Amino acid sequence: MAAGAWRLNRQGPVAFLFLGETLLIPHLYPIVEALAADGDVAIDLWVATSVHETLLTRWSEGLAGVRIRRVPGFRRIAGAADGQNPPLPPKIPTLLRLLPHLMRARAAVCAEQTSLWLPRVLPLRTPFVKTSHGVGSMSARDDPRRRAAAMMMVPSERERATYLDRGFDPARVVATGYVKASFRQRSITTLPFAEPRPTILYAPHWQRHRSSWWAWGADTVRRIAQDGRWNLIFAPHQRLAEGAPEVRAVMDEVRGLPNVHCDMDGFAMVDGSYTAAADIYLGDTSSQVIEFLQRPRPCVFLNAGGVEWRGDPSYAQWTCGEVVNDVGDLLPMLARAPAVHDSFAAIQARFAGDSLGDTRGSAPARAARVIRDLLDKRA
C-alpha cells in the first residue's frame, strides 16, 4: 500500500459494519455509543438497508463524530421504520465493493464472521475487530475466519479460555462483558395478551442439527396454544424460515389466539424485549437462553433429537432446567417448572455469569477501550 494511502488509513474513521441481520445490532451499537462518548474519534456506521439506517439514525442523533453511510448495493425497504428484519444485499459482493472505503478506515468493527473474509484472504492494513453476537457451548469458535481478526472481543473469561485452548494469541482475545446487556433501545415493554397468565418464550434454533423445530416445533406450539394455561411468545431465530418455510404457516394458524404472540421478523425478537418479558424459557440450543438467565427463571429444554447430552459440554446449558425427551411430557414439565426452579436457580446464575461475564453495563466502555488501544498501537 502506498504511503499516502497509509496516512489516510491512520487519519480515517473507525468503520462499524451493520451488514447482517438486525439481531447483530444490539451486540454492536452500544460500542458505538461508548466510543463516541468523548467525541474525539470519527465513526462511520455502514448500513446495508434502510431498516438499519432508520434505526441507527433515530438512536445516534447527537452522538459526536458519527455519520451513517450506505454500502454499495444499499437496499431500500418498504416500511423500514418498524425495524423488521430485511432482505439483505449479497454479503460478499457488498464487502468487495465496500473494500476501498475500509482500506481508508483506521479499524473495522463487526459482529458477524462474513466480514472477516476480507482480512482472511487479503493482506489488509486495516485491522478488523470482531465482537461476539452470541455465547454458549455451541459457538462456532473453530471457524478459521476468526483468526483473521486483529482483536477478538468475547463476553467472559470462560469464553476467552476456549479460544486460548485453540491456540489464539492471548493478547488478541479480550473479555469485555456482555455488550448487549447495555442495549437501551428495546421496542416492547408490554405484550398484547388478553389475560395475565404466565408467559412462555419458545425460541427454536435455526440450524436443523441444533433445533427442536423440525421434529417437535409445530406440535409444541399447538399444544401450548390449545392448553390455555400460559401465554406464548413464539419467536424463533430470524433465519429459521430459510430452512423451514412452513414456520410461517404455523404462525398464521395461531396468530389470532388471545394467548399467542408470534414474531419472526420484528426488532423486539432481537433487542431483549422477549427474554425480559417471559416467565419460562422453552428452547433447544439457542444462546438466547443465556440472555434470559441474566435473571434466573424456569427453563425447559427440548431434546427432540434424542441426544445423549449429559457430560457433553456442547449441551452445558441443559443443566439449567429439566429436559423433555418425549413431547408427550411437554405440558406436565412446563406446569411444574416453577415448582422445581429452586433446584436450578444457583446453577443458572453460575452458568450465566460464567458465560456472559459482566452484565452491569460496563462492557461497551471496555470494548471501546480495546478499540482505542488498538488505534494507539497503530498510530
Foldseek 3Di string as FASTA:
>chain_A
DDPVLVVLALVAAEEEEAQDWLLFCLQPVLLVQLLQVVLPGAYEYEHQEVLVVLVCVVPCVPRHNYDYDYFVNRYYDPPSNQNFTDDGDDDVVSLVSCVVVQLSHNEYEYADQVNLVDLVPDVGPHAYEYEHSFWALPPPLVDVSVLSHQAYEAAAPLVLVVNVVVPRDNVRYYHQFRSSLQQDDADDQDDQAPDPAAEEEEEFEQDPVFGLCVQCNLVVVVVVLVVPRAAYEYEYELNNCVVPVCVVVSCVVRVPRRRYHYDNTGSNSNSCNVLVPHQEYEYTQGSVVLVSLVPQHFYEYEPSVQDPCPPPRRRLCCLQYYYDPDVVCVVVRVVCRRVCNVVRNVVSNVVSCRTRPDSPNRSSNSVSVVVVVSSVVSD
